[in-house]
PDB file of N, CA and C in Angstrom:
ATOM      1  N   MET A   1      32.295  44.609  -0.985  1.00  0.00           N
ATOM      2  CA  MET A   1      32.688  43.558  -0.078  1.00  0.00           C
ATOM      3  C   MET A   1      31.800  43.655   1.165  1.00  0.00           C
ATOM      4  N   ASN A   2      31.220  42.536   1.584  1.00  0.00           N
ATOM      5  CA  ASN A   2      30.370  42.532   2.776  1.00  0.00           C
ATOM      6  C   ASN A   2      31.210  42.311   4.035  1.00  0.00           C
ATOM      7  N   ILE A   3      30.576  42.306   5.183  1.00  0.00           N
ATOM      8  CA  ILE A   3      31.286  42.195   6.456  1.00  0.00           C
ATOM      9  C   ILE A   3      32.069  40.888   6.543  1.00  0.00           C
ATOM     10  N   GLU A   4      31.434  39.792   6.215  1.00  0.00           N
ATOM     11  CA  GLU A   4      32.085  38.485   6.312  1.00  0.00           C
ATOM     12  C   GLU A   4      33.331  38.418   5.433  1.00  0.00           C
ATOM     13  N   THR A   5      33.220  38.889   4.207  1.00  0.00           N
ATOM     14  CA  THR A   5      34.357  38.878   3.288  1.00  0.00           C
ATOM     15  C   THR A   5      35.463  39.800   3.792  1.00  0.00           C
ATOM     16  N   ALA A   6      35.086  40.970   4.292  1.00  0.00           N
ATOM     17  CA  ALA A   6      36.074  41.921   4.814  1.00  0.00           C
ATOM     18  C   ALA A   6      36.853  41.311   5.973  1.00  0.00           C
ATOM     19  N   LEU A   7      36.158  40.618   6.870  1.00  0.00           N
ATOM     20  CA  LEU A   7      36.838  40.005   8.006  1.00  0.00           C
ATOM     21  C   LEU A   7      37.739  38.860   7.568  1.00  0.00           C
ATOM     22  N   LYS A   8      37.312  38.099   6.572  1.00  0.00           N
ATOM     23  CA  LYS A   8      38.168  37.025   6.042  1.00  0.00           C
ATOM     24  C   LYS A   8      39.423  37.606   5.395  1.00  0.00           C
ATOM     25  N   GLU A   9      39.255  38.727   4.683  1.00  0.00           N
ATOM     26  CA  GLU A   9      40.408  39.405   4.080  1.00  0.00           C
ATOM     27  C   GLU A   9      41.363  39.891   5.173  1.00  0.00           C
ATOM     28  N   ALA A  10      40.825  40.412   6.246  1.00  0.00           N
ATOM     29  CA  ALA A  10      41.664  40.879   7.359  1.00  0.00           C
ATOM     30  C   ALA A  10      42.438  39.712   7.972  1.00  0.00           C
ATOM     31  N   MET A  11      41.784  38.569   8.103  1.00  0.00           N
ATOM     32  CA  MET A  11      42.462  37.394   8.672  1.00  0.00           C
ATOM     33  C   MET A  11      43.535  36.832   7.744  1.00  0.00           C
ATOM     34  N   ALA A  12      43.491  37.195   6.466  1.00  0.00           N
ATOM     35  CA  ALA A  12      44.515  36.742   5.516  1.00  0.00           C
ATOM     36  C   ALA A  12      45.797  37.569   5.633  1.00  0.00           C
ATOM     37  N   ILE A  13      45.762  38.643   6.385  1.00  0.00           N
ATOM     38  CA  ILE A  13      46.949  39.472   6.600  1.00  0.00           C
ATOM     39  C   ILE A  13      47.939  38.687   7.462  1.00  0.00           C
ATOM     40  N   ASP A  14      49.215  38.684   7.060  1.00  0.00           N
ATOM     41  CA  ASP A  14      50.238  37.934   7.795  1.00  0.00           C
ATOM     42  C   ASP A  14      50.243  38.294   9.276  1.00  0.00           C
ATOM     43  N   GLY A  15      50.178  37.275  10.107  1.00  0.00           N
ATOM     44  CA  GLY A  15      50.237  37.458  11.548  1.00  0.00           C
ATOM     45  C   GLY A  15      48.903  37.690  12.218  1.00  0.00           C
ATOM     46  N   ALA A  16      47.801  37.710  11.445  1.00  0.00           N
ATOM     47  CA  ALA A  16      46.483  37.997  12.025  1.00  0.00           C
ATOM     48  C   ALA A  16      46.080  36.942  13.048  1.00  0.00           C
ATOM     49  N   ILE A  17      45.610  37.417  14.193  1.00  0.00           N
ATOM     50  CA  ILE A  17      45.102  36.556  15.263  1.00  0.00           C
ATOM     51  C   ILE A  17      43.584  36.638  15.312  1.00  0.00           C
ATOM     52  N   GLY A  18      43.047  37.825  15.064  1.00  0.00           N
ATOM     53  CA  GLY A  18      41.608  38.024  15.091  1.00  0.00           C
ATOM     54  C   GLY A  18      41.248  39.371  14.507  1.00  0.00           C
ATOM     55  N   ALA A  19      39.996  39.484  14.082  1.00  0.00           N
ATOM     56  CA  ALA A  19      39.511  40.735  13.498  1.00  0.00           C
ATOM     57  C   ALA A  19      38.038  40.904  13.860  1.00  0.00           C
ATOM     58  N   ALA A  20      37.625  42.170  13.912  1.00  0.00           N
ATOM     59  CA  ALA A  20      36.220  42.464  14.225  1.00  0.00           C
ATOM     60  C   ALA A  20      35.820  43.757  13.538  1.00  0.00           C
ATOM     61  N   LEU A  21      34.536  43.847  13.236  1.00  0.00           N
ATOM     62  CA  LEU A  21      33.939  45.107  12.801  1.00  0.00           C
ATOM     63  C   LEU A  21      33.073  45.560  13.964  1.00  0.00           C
ATOM     64  N   VAL A  22      33.333  46.779  14.453  1.00  0.00           N
ATOM     65  CA  VAL A  22      32.727  47.231  15.705  1.00  0.00           C
ATOM     66  C   VAL A  22      31.990  48.552  15.500  1.00  0.00           C
ATOM     67  N   ASP A  23      30.817  48.651  16.113  1.00  0.00           N
ATOM     68  CA  ASP A  23      30.054  49.891  16.167  1.00  0.00           C
ATOM     69  C   ASP A  23      30.452  50.577  17.468  1.00  0.00           C
ATOM     70  N   TYR A  24      31.214  51.690  17.374  1.00  0.00           N
ATOM     71  CA  TYR A  24      31.672  52.326  18.602  1.00  0.00           C
ATOM     72  C   TYR A  24      30.605  53.215  19.237  1.00  0.00           C
ATOM     73  N   GLY A  25      29.475  53.364  18.582  1.00  0.00           N
ATOM     74  CA  GLY A  25      28.342  54.036  19.217  1.00  0.00           C
ATOM     75  C   GLY A  25      27.751  53.166  20.308  1.00  0.00           C
ATOM     76  N   SER A  26      27.644  51.870  20.014  1.00  0.00           N
ATOM     77  CA  SER A  26      27.049  50.933  20.969  1.00  0.00           C
ATOM     78  C   SER A  26      28.078  50.054  21.675  1.00  0.00           C
ATOM     79  N   GLY A  27      29.260  49.930  21.097  1.00  0.00           N
ATOM     80  CA  GLY A  27      30.274  49.042  21.662  1.00  0.00           C
ATOM     81  C   GLY A  27      30.109  47.590  21.245  1.00  0.00           C
ATOM     82  N   MET A  28      29.173  47.336  20.345  1.00  0.00           N
ATOM     83  CA  MET A  28      28.887  45.962  19.920  1.00  0.00           C
ATOM     84  C   MET A  28      29.623  45.626  18.625  1.00  0.00           C
ATOM     85  N   SER A  29      30.055  44.363  18.523  1.00  0.00           N
ATOM     86  CA  SER A  29      30.657  43.938  17.262  1.00  0.00           C
ATOM     87  C   SER A  29      29.580  43.478  16.301  1.00  0.00           C
ATOM     88  N   LEU A  30      29.787  43.852  15.046  1.00  0.00           N
ATOM     89  CA  LEU A  30      28.872  43.436  13.982  1.00  0.00           C
ATOM     90  C   LEU A  30      29.336  42.133  13.358  1.00  0.00           C
ATOM     91  N   GLY A  31      30.574  41.759  13.653  1.00  0.00           N
ATOM     92  CA  GLY A  31      31.123  40.511  13.163  1.00  0.00           C
ATOM     93  C   GLY A  31      32.519  40.316  13.713  1.00  0.00           C
ATOM     94  N   THR A  32      32.885  39.061  13.953  1.00  0.00           N
ATOM     95  CA  THR A  32      34.232  38.740  14.432  1.00  0.00           C
ATOM     96  C   THR A  32      34.724  37.493  13.723  1.00  0.00           C
ATOM     97  N   ILE A  33      36.043  37.352  13.707  1.00  0.00           N
ATOM     98  CA  ILE A  33      36.665  36.147  13.171  1.00  0.00           C
ATOM     99  C   ILE A  33      37.990  35.950  13.898  1.00  0.00           C
ATOM    100  N   GLY A  34      38.307  34.712  14.201  1.00  0.00           N
ATOM    101  CA  GLY A  34      39.561  34.421  14.901  1.00  0.00           C
ATOM    102  C   GLY A  34      39.406  34.600  16.395  1.00  0.00           C
ATOM    103  N   GLY A  35      40.505  34.930  17.033  1.00  0.00           N
ATOM    104  CA  GLY A  35      40.486  35.072  18.490  1.00  0.00           C
ATOM    105  C   GLY A  35      40.540  33.716  19.151  1.00  0.00           C
ATOM    106  N   GLY A  36      39.551  33.389  19.924  1.00  0.00           N
ATOM    107  CA  GLY A  36      39.500  32.103  20.614  1.00  0.00           C
ATOM    108  C   GLY A  36      39.453  32.295  22.109  1.00  0.00           C
ATOM    109  N   ARG A  37      39.673  31.206  22.835  1.00  0.00           N
ATOM    110  CA  ARG A  37      39.624  31.281  24.295  1.00  0.00           C
ATOM    111  C   ARG A  37      40.714  32.174  24.871  1.00  0.00           C
ATOM    112  N   GLU A  38      41.862  32.211  24.207  1.00  0.00           N
ATOM    113  CA  GLU A  38      42.970  33.025  24.696  1.00  0.00           C
ATOM    114  C   GLU A  38      42.752  34.508  24.427  1.00  0.00           C
ATOM    115  N   PHE A  39      41.900  34.827  23.443  1.00  0.00           N
ATOM    116  CA  PHE A  39      41.683  36.231  23.084  1.00  0.00           C
ATOM    117  C   PHE A  39      40.220  36.425  22.715  1.00  0.00           C
ATOM    118  N   ASP A  40      39.449  36.993  23.616  1.00  0.00           N
ATOM    119  CA  ASP A  40      38.013  37.194  23.433  1.00  0.00           C
ATOM    120  C   ASP A  40      37.783  38.493  22.662  1.00  0.00           C
ATOM    121  N   LEU A  41      37.427  38.379  21.397  1.00  0.00           N
ATOM    122  CA  LEU A  41      37.246  39.550  20.542  1.00  0.00           C
ATOM    123  C   LEU A  41      36.065  40.411  20.972  1.00  0.00           C
ATOM    124  N   GLU A  42      35.049  39.821  21.555  1.00  0.00           N
ATOM    125  CA  GLU A  42      33.900  40.606  22.019  1.00  0.00           C
ATOM    126  C   GLU A  42      34.319  41.554  23.148  1.00  0.00           C
ATOM    127  N   VAL A  43      35.111  41.043  24.083  1.00  0.00           N
ATOM    128  CA  VAL A  43      35.609  41.867  25.186  1.00  0.00           C
ATOM    129  C   VAL A  43      36.553  42.941  24.647  1.00  0.00           C
ATOM    130  N   ALA A  44      37.430  42.550  23.733  1.00  0.00           N
ATOM    131  CA  ALA A  44      38.376  43.497  23.145  1.00  0.00           C
ATOM    132  C   ALA A  44      37.647  44.590  22.361  1.00  0.00           C
ATOM    133  N   ALA A  45      36.616  44.217  21.627  1.00  0.00           N
ATOM    134  CA  ALA A  45      35.845  45.194  20.846  1.00  0.00           C
ATOM    135  C   ALA A  45      35.203  46.226  21.767  1.00  0.00           C
ATOM    136  N   ALA A  46      34.598  45.758  22.844  1.00  0.00           N
ATOM    137  CA  ALA A  46      33.959  46.674  23.793  1.00  0.00           C
ATOM    138  C   ALA A  46      34.999  47.586  24.447  1.00  0.00           C
ATOM    139  N   GLY A  47      36.129  47.036  24.835  1.00  0.00           N
ATOM    140  CA  GLY A  47      37.174  47.838  25.474  1.00  0.00           C
ATOM    141  C   GLY A  47      37.772  48.862  24.534  1.00  0.00           C
ATOM    142  N   ASN A  48      37.983  48.494  23.290  1.00  0.00           N
ATOM    143  CA  ASN A  48      38.568  49.425  22.331  1.00  0.00           C
ATOM    144  C   ASN A  48      37.580  50.490  21.882  1.00  0.00           C
ATOM    145  N   THR A  49      36.302  50.229  22.081  1.00  0.00           N
ATOM    146  CA  THR A  49      35.297  51.270  21.866  1.00  0.00           C
ATOM    147  C   THR A  49      35.590  52.452  22.790  1.00  0.00           C
ATOM    148  N   GLU A  50      35.970  52.152  24.024  1.00  0.00           N
ATOM    149  CA  GLU A  50      36.303  53.214  24.983  1.00  0.00           C
ATOM    150  C   GLU A  50      37.549  53.980  24.558  1.00  0.00           C
ATOM    151  N   VAL A  51      38.512  53.289  23.957  1.00  0.00           N
ATOM    152  CA  VAL A  51      39.721  53.957  23.447  1.00  0.00           C
ATOM    153  C   VAL A  51      39.328  54.969  22.373  1.00  0.00           C
ATOM    154  N   VAL A  52      38.496  54.539  21.439  1.00  0.00           N
ATOM    155  CA  VAL A  52      38.067  55.424  20.350  1.00  0.00           C
ATOM    156  C   VAL A  52      37.277  56.607  20.906  1.00  0.00           C
ATOM    157  N   ARG A  53      36.343  56.340  21.779  1.00  0.00           N
ATOM    158  CA  ARG A  53      35.533  57.424  22.352  1.00  0.00           C
ATOM    159  C   ARG A  53      36.403  58.441  23.098  1.00  0.00           C
ATOM    160  N   ALA A  54      37.379  57.937  23.861  1.00  0.00           N
ATOM    161  CA  ALA A  54      38.263  58.838  24.617  1.00  0.00           C
ATOM    162  C   ALA A  54      39.077  59.714  23.671  1.00  0.00           C
ATOM    163  N   LYS A  55      39.574  59.145  22.609  1.00  0.00           N
ATOM    164  CA  LYS A  55      40.366  59.936  21.660  1.00  0.00           C
ATOM    165  C   LYS A  55      39.499  60.969  20.961  1.00  0.00           C
ATOM    166  N   LEU A  56      38.294  60.598  20.592  1.00  0.00           N
ATOM    167  CA  LEU A  56      37.386  61.557  19.958  1.00  0.00           C
ATOM    168  C   LEU A  56      37.023  62.697  20.903  1.00  0.00           C
ATOM    169  N   ARG A  57      36.796  62.376  22.179  1.00  0.00           N
ATOM    170  CA  ARG A  57      36.511  63.426  23.173  1.00  0.00           C
ATOM    171  C   ARG A  57      37.702  64.368  23.329  1.00  0.00           C
ATOM    172  N   THR A  58      38.897  63.800  23.372  1.00  0.00           N
ATOM    173  CA  THR A  58      40.103  64.612  23.509  1.00  0.00           C
ATOM    174  C   THR A  58      40.284  65.525  22.310  1.00  0.00           C
ATOM    175  N   MET A  59      40.059  64.990  21.125  1.00  0.00           N
ATOM    176  CA  MET A  59      40.174  65.814  19.911  1.00  0.00           C
ATOM    177  C   MET A  59      39.156  66.949  19.934  1.00  0.00           C
ATOM    178  N   ALA A  60      37.950  66.670  20.403  1.00  0.00           N
ATOM    179  CA  ALA A  60      36.916  67.701  20.489  1.00  0.00           C
ATOM    180  C   ALA A  60      37.309  68.770  21.519  1.00  0.00           C
ATOM    181  N   SER A  61      37.850  68.342  22.651  1.00  0.00           N
ATOM    182  CA  SER A  61      38.285  69.286  23.681  1.00  0.00           C
ATOM    183  C   SER A  61      39.400  70.193  23.187  1.00  0.00           C
ATOM    184  N   LEU A  62      40.244  69.664  22.338  1.00  0.00           N
ATOM    185  CA  LEU A  62      41.355  70.433  21.769  1.00  0.00           C
ATOM    186  C   LEU A  62      40.943  71.212  20.525  1.00  0.00           C
ATOM    187  N   ALA A  63      39.680  71.049  20.115  1.00  0.00           N
ATOM    188  CA  ALA A  63      39.158  71.692  18.904  1.00  0.00           C
ATOM    189  C   ALA A  63      40.013  71.369  17.687  1.00  0.00           C
ATOM    190  N   LEU A  64      40.459  70.114  17.617  1.00  0.00           N
ATOM    191  CA  LEU A  64      41.243  69.675  16.462  1.00  0.00           C
ATOM    192  C   LEU A  64      40.316  69.456  15.277  1.00  0.00           C
ATOM    193  N   ASP A  65      40.631  70.076  14.181  1.00  0.00           N
ATOM    194  CA  ASP A  65      39.847  69.917  12.962  1.00  0.00           C
ATOM    195  C   ASP A  65      40.518  68.836  12.116  1.00  0.00           C
ATOM    196  N   ASP A  66      40.352  67.593  12.531  1.00  0.00           N
ATOM    197  CA  ASP A  66      41.011  66.480  11.870  1.00  0.00           C
ATOM    198  C   ASP A  66      40.210  65.205  12.119  1.00  0.00           C
ATOM    199  N   GLU A  67      40.624  64.115  11.496  1.00  0.00           N
ATOM    200  CA  GLU A  67      39.951  62.831  11.661  1.00  0.00           C
ATOM    201  C   GLU A  67      40.968  61.772  12.057  1.00  0.00           C
ATOM    202  N   ILE A  68      40.520  60.799  12.820  1.00  0.00           N
ATOM    203  CA  ILE A  68      41.373  59.656  13.160  1.00  0.00           C
ATOM    204  C   ILE A  68      41.408  58.719  11.969  1.00  0.00           C
ATOM    205  N   GLU A  69      42.597  58.365  11.542  1.00  0.00           N
ATOM    206  CA  GLU A  69      42.751  57.357  10.495  1.00  0.00           C
ATOM    207  C   GLU A  69      42.775  55.980  11.148  1.00  0.00           C
ATOM    208  N   ASP A  70      43.742  55.790  12.039  1.00  0.00           N
ATOM    209  CA  ASP A  70      43.755  54.562  12.823  1.00  0.00           C
ATOM    210  C   ASP A  70      44.475  54.808  14.143  1.00  0.00           C
ATOM    211  N   VAL A  71      44.271  53.872  15.053  1.00  0.00           N
ATOM    212  CA  VAL A  71      44.916  53.899  16.359  1.00  0.00           C
ATOM    213  C   VAL A  71      45.734  52.625  16.445  1.00  0.00           C
ATOM    214  N   LEU A  72      46.985  52.772  16.849  1.00  0.00           N
ATOM    215  CA  LEU A  72      47.869  51.619  16.960  1.00  0.00           C
ATOM    216  C   LEU A  72      48.270  51.432  18.412  1.00  0.00           C
ATOM    217  N   ILE A  73      48.081  50.219  18.900  1.00  0.00           N
ATOM    218  CA  ILE A  73      48.509  49.869  20.252  1.00  0.00           C
ATOM    219  C   ILE A  73      49.526  48.745  20.101  1.00  0.00           C
ATOM    220  N   THR A  74      50.734  48.985  20.617  1.00  0.00           N
ATOM    221  CA  THR A  74      51.779  47.969  20.518  1.00  0.00           C
ATOM    222  C   THR A  74      51.984  47.325  21.884  1.00  0.00           C
ATOM    223  N   LEU A  75      51.910  46.027  21.894  1.00  0.00           N
ATOM    224  CA  LEU A  75      52.201  45.235  23.086  1.00  0.00           C
ATOM    225  C   LEU A  75      53.517  44.508  22.841  1.00  0.00           C
ATOM    226  N   ASN A  76      54.022  43.813  23.843  1.00  0.00           N
ATOM    227  CA  ASN A  76      55.270  43.074  23.650  1.00  0.00           C
ATOM    228  C   ASN A  76      55.160  41.997  22.583  1.00  0.00           C
ATOM    229  N   ARG A  77      53.978  41.360  22.483  1.00  0.00           N
ATOM    230  CA  ARG A  77      53.817  40.251  21.539  1.00  0.00           C
ATOM    231  C   ARG A  77      52.763  40.498  20.471  1.00  0.00           C
ATOM    232  N   GLN A  78      52.078  41.621  20.533  1.00  0.00           N
ATOM    233  CA  GLN A  78      50.986  41.864  19.587  1.00  0.00           C
ATOM    234  C   GLN A  78      50.935  43.321  19.151  1.00  0.00           C
ATOM    235  N   TYR A  79      50.342  43.516  17.975  1.00  0.00           N
ATOM    236  CA  TYR A  79      49.920  44.829  17.516  1.00  0.00           C
ATOM    237  C   TYR A  79      48.396  44.818  17.492  1.00  0.00           C
ATOM    238  N   HIS A  80      47.774  45.913  17.897  1.00  0.00           N
ATOM    239  CA  HIS A  80      46.329  46.076  17.798  1.00  0.00           C
ATOM    240  C   HIS A  80      46.088  47.316  16.953  1.00  0.00           C
ATOM    241  N   ILE A  81      45.400  47.150  15.832  1.00  0.00           N
ATOM    242  CA  ILE A  81      45.109  48.262  14.942  1.00  0.00           C
ATOM    243  C   ILE A  81      43.600  48.510  14.950  1.00  0.00           C
ATOM    244  N   ILE A  82      43.234  49.755  15.212  1.00  0.00           N
ATOM    245  CA  ILE A  82      41.837  50.179  15.191  1.00  0.00           C
ATOM    246  C   ILE A  82      41.710  51.144  14.022  1.00  0.00           C
ATOM    247  N   ARG A  83      41.027  50.732  12.970  1.00  0.00           N
ATOM    248  CA  ARG A  83      40.882  51.528  11.746  1.00  0.00           C
ATOM    249  C   ARG A  83      39.467  52.090  11.681  1.00  0.00           C
ATOM    250  N   LEU A  84      39.311  53.393  11.907  1.00  0.00           N
ATOM    251  CA  LEU A  84      37.989  54.008  11.819  1.00  0.00           C
ATOM    252  C   LEU A  84      37.549  54.073  10.367  1.00  0.00           C
ATOM    253  N   LEU A  85      36.297  53.702  10.121  1.00  0.00           N
ATOM    254  CA  LEU A  85      35.771  53.648   8.755  1.00  0.00           C
ATOM    255  C   LEU A  85      34.976  54.902   8.442  1.00  0.00           C
ATOM    256  N   LYS A  86      35.056  55.307   7.219  1.00  0.00           N
ATOM    257  CA  LYS A  86      34.292  56.466   6.756  1.00  0.00           C
ATOM    258  C   LYS A  86      32.982  55.969   6.151  1.00  0.00           C
ATOM    259  N   ALA A  87      32.141  55.418   7.009  1.00  0.00           N
ATOM    260  CA  ALA A  87      30.842  54.906   6.566  1.00  0.00           C
ATOM    261  C   ALA A  87      29.803  55.994   6.761  1.00  0.00           C
ATOM    262  N   PRO A  88      28.922  56.188   5.767  1.00  0.00           N
ATOM    263  CA  PRO A  88      27.898  57.223   5.913  1.00  0.00           C
ATOM    264  C   PRO A  88      27.019  56.968   7.131  1.00  0.00           C
ATOM    265  N   GLY A  89      27.010  57.944   8.042  1.00  0.00           N
ATOM    266  CA  GLY A  89      26.162  57.845   9.225  1.00  0.00           C
ATOM    267  C   GLY A  89      26.592  56.791  10.228  1.00  0.00           C
ATOM    268  N   GLY A  90      27.699  56.115   9.955  1.00  0.00           N
ATOM    269  CA  GLY A  90      28.117  55.031  10.833  1.00  0.00           C
ATOM    270  C   GLY A  90      29.234  55.423  11.770  1.00  0.00           C
ATOM    271  N   GLN A  91      29.305  54.720  12.868  1.00  0.00           N
ATOM    272  CA  GLN A  91      30.379  54.883  13.832  1.00  0.00           C
ATOM    273  C   GLN A  91      31.057  53.522  13.942  1.00  0.00           C
ATOM    274  N   LEU A  92      31.833  53.190  12.920  1.00  0.00           N
ATOM    275  CA  LEU A  92      32.396  51.847  12.822  1.00  0.00           C
ATOM    276  C   LEU A  92      33.912  51.874  12.788  1.00  0.00           C
ATOM    277  N   PHE A  93      34.499  50.793  13.322  1.00  0.00           N
ATOM    278  CA  PHE A  93      35.922  50.595  13.124  1.00  0.00           C
ATOM    279  C   PHE A  93      36.217  49.124  12.878  1.00  0.00           C
ATOM    280  N   LEU A  94      37.267  48.912  12.090  1.00  0.00           N
ATOM    281  CA  LEU A  94      37.823  47.581  11.889  1.00  0.00           C
ATOM    282  C   LEU A  94      38.897  47.411  12.945  1.00  0.00           C
ATOM    283  N   TYR A  95      38.888  46.292  13.600  1.00  0.00           N
ATOM    284  CA  TYR A  95      39.851  46.005  14.662  1.00  0.00           C
ATOM    285  C   TYR A  95      40.632  44.773  14.250  1.00  0.00           C
ATOM    286  N   LEU A  96      41.944  44.887  14.237  1.00  0.00           N
ATOM    287  CA  LEU A  96      42.800  43.778  13.827  1.00  0.00           C
ATOM    288  C   LEU A  96      43.862  43.543  14.882  1.00  0.00           C
ATOM    289  N   VAL A  97      44.010  42.285  15.302  1.00  0.00           N
ATOM    290  CA  VAL A  97      45.040  41.896  16.260  1.00  0.00           C
ATOM    291  C   VAL A  97      46.059  41.048  15.507  1.00  0.00           C
ATOM    292  N   LEU A  98      47.332  41.427  15.657  1.00  0.00           N
ATOM    293  CA  LEU A  98      48.414  40.764  14.939  1.00  0.00           C
ATOM    294  C   LEU A  98      49.451  40.200  15.901  1.00  0.00           C
ATOM    295  N   ASP A  99      50.019  39.058  15.537  1.00  0.00           N
ATOM    296  CA  ASP A  99      51.177  38.517  16.231  1.00  0.00           C
ATOM    297  C   ASP A  99      52.383  39.339  15.786  1.00  0.00           C
ATOM    298  N   ARG A 100      53.019  39.996  16.715  1.00  0.00           N
ATOM    299  CA  ARG A 100      54.091  40.940  16.387  1.00  0.00           C
ATOM    300  C   ARG A 100      55.272  40.269  15.665  1.00  0.00           C
ATOM    301  N   ASP A 101      55.567  39.017  16.005  1.00  0.00           N
ATOM    302  CA  ASP A 101      56.705  38.322  15.384  1.00  0.00           C
ATOM    303  C   ASP A 101      56.435  37.933  13.930  1.00  0.00           C
ATOM    304  N   ARG A 102      55.171  37.812  13.555  1.00  0.00           N
ATOM    305  CA  ARG A 102      54.839  37.357  12.198  1.00  0.00           C
ATOM    306  C   ARG A 102      54.276  38.447  11.309  1.00  0.00           C
ATOM    307  N   ALA A 103      54.026  39.623  11.865  1.00  0.00           N
ATOM    308  CA  ALA A 103      53.327  40.671  11.125  1.00  0.00           C
ATOM    309  C   ALA A 103      54.283  41.728  10.585  1.00  0.00           C
ATOM    310  N   ASN A 104      53.880  42.318   9.477  1.00  0.00           N
ATOM    311  CA  ASN A 104      54.532  43.505   8.924  1.00  0.00           C
ATOM    312  C   ASN A 104      53.525  44.633   9.131  1.00  0.00           C
ATOM    313  N   LEU A 105      53.819  45.517  10.064  1.00  0.00           N
ATOM    314  CA  LEU A 105      52.864  46.543  10.472  1.00  0.00           C
ATOM    315  C   LEU A 105      52.469  47.464   9.317  1.00  0.00           C
ATOM    316  N   ALA A 106      53.430  47.921   8.546  1.00  0.00           N
ATOM    317  CA  ALA A 106      53.124  48.828   7.432  1.00  0.00           C
ATOM    318  C   ALA A 106      52.225  48.139   6.406  1.00  0.00           C
ATOM    319  N   LEU A 107      52.523  46.903   6.096  1.00  0.00           N
ATOM    320  CA  LEU A 107      51.718  46.161   5.125  1.00  0.00           C
ATOM    321  C   LEU A 107      50.317  45.885   5.673  1.00  0.00           C
ATOM    322  N   ALA A 108      50.226  45.594   6.958  1.00  0.00           N
ATOM    323  CA  ALA A 108      48.915  45.353   7.573  1.00  0.00           C
ATOM    324  C   ALA A 108      48.052  46.609   7.492  1.00  0.00           C
ATOM    325  N   ARG A 109      48.619  47.771   7.788  1.00  0.00           N
ATOM    326  CA  ARG A 109      47.862  49.021   7.702  1.00  0.00           C
ATOM    327  C   ARG A 109      47.430  49.284   6.259  1.00  0.00           C
ATOM    328  N   HIS A 110      48.318  49.022   5.320  1.00  0.00           N
ATOM    329  CA  HIS A 110      47.993  49.190   3.898  1.00  0.00           C
ATOM    330  C   HIS A 110      46.830  48.276   3.503  1.00  0.00           C
ATOM    331  N   ASN A 111      46.882  47.024   3.942  1.00  0.00           N
ATOM    332  CA  ASN A 111      45.817  46.070   3.620  1.00  0.00           C
ATOM    333  C   ASN A 111      44.484  46.470   4.246  1.00  0.00           C
ATOM    334  N   LEU A 112      44.509  46.997   5.467  1.00  0.00           N
ATOM    335  CA  LEU A 112      43.258  47.457   6.092  1.00  0.00           C
ATOM    336  C   LEU A 112      42.653  48.628   5.321  1.00  0.00           C
ATOM    337  N   ARG A 113      43.493  49.535   4.824  1.00  0.00           N
ATOM    338  CA  ARG A 113      42.988  50.648   3.992  1.00  0.00           C
ATOM    339  C   ARG A 113      42.302  50.103   2.747  1.00  0.00           C
ATOM    340  N   ASN A 114      42.912  49.098   2.122  1.00  0.00           N
ATOM    341  CA  ASN A 114      42.311  48.496   0.923  1.00  0.00           C
ATOM    342  C   ASN A 114      40.991  47.809   1.246  1.00  0.00           C
ATOM    343  N   ILE A 115      40.934  47.118   2.367  1.00  0.00           N
ATOM    344  CA  ILE A 115      39.690  46.468   2.762  1.00  0.00           C
ATOM    345  C   ILE A 115      38.607  47.522   2.979  1.00  0.00           C
ATOM    346  N   GLU A 116      38.958  48.611   3.653  1.00  0.00           N
ATOM    347  CA  GLU A 116      37.990  49.689   3.880  1.00  0.00           C
ATOM    348  C   GLU A 116      37.442  50.226   2.557  1.00  0.00           C
ATOM    349  N   ARG A 117      38.311  50.447   1.589  1.00  0.00           N
ATOM    350  CA  ARG A 117      37.881  50.991   0.289  1.00  0.00           C
ATOM    351  C   ARG A 117      36.903  50.065  -0.410  1.00  0.00           C
ATOM    352  N   GLN A 118      37.047  48.771  -0.202  1.00  0.00           N
ATOM    353  CA  GLN A 118      36.226  47.799  -0.921  1.00  0.00           C
ATOM    354  C   GLN A 118      34.950  47.417  -0.178  1.00  0.00           C
ATOM    355  N   MET A 119      34.809  47.858   1.065  1.00  0.00           N
ATOM    356  CA  MET A 119      33.639  47.482   1.865  1.00  0.00           C
ATOM    357  C   MET A 119      32.408  48.270   1.439  1.00  0.00           C
ATOM    358  N   SER A 120      31.279  47.583   1.456  1.00  0.00           N
ATOM    359  CA  SER A 120      29.997  48.260   1.263  1.00  0.00           C
ATOM    360  C   SER A 120      29.120  47.909   2.449  1.00  0.00           C
ATOM    361  N   LEU A 121      28.737  48.926   3.198  1.00  0.00           N
ATOM    362  CA  LEU A 121      27.948  48.700   4.418  1.00  0.00           C
ATOM    363  C   LEU A 121      26.539  49.222   4.257  1.00  0.00           C
TER     364      LEU A 121
END
């Protein structure tokens, strides 16, 4: 599955508002879908890059021998899921924004795992 197809699959998840594939090394998105004027995915991608970097630094400081699967941020009206990808040599994450009233969080996380398994980068 390529980037465009992966993002379309992410947008098919119930409650999806927007999705992006982000390089957290540079903070740049490799692709986005959804969002709009009310939700700028480029700004969100750059900001969530800092979230990922901070968590990785903290894990290194604690000498944790583990990997981040995903990061979940819950807002009053939205869920934000940051799914780190196990891409060879890559520093990538899938970012999904969900409408909290329409989304099933467990199913959304399951679907993101499936999308990750099918992606070829």
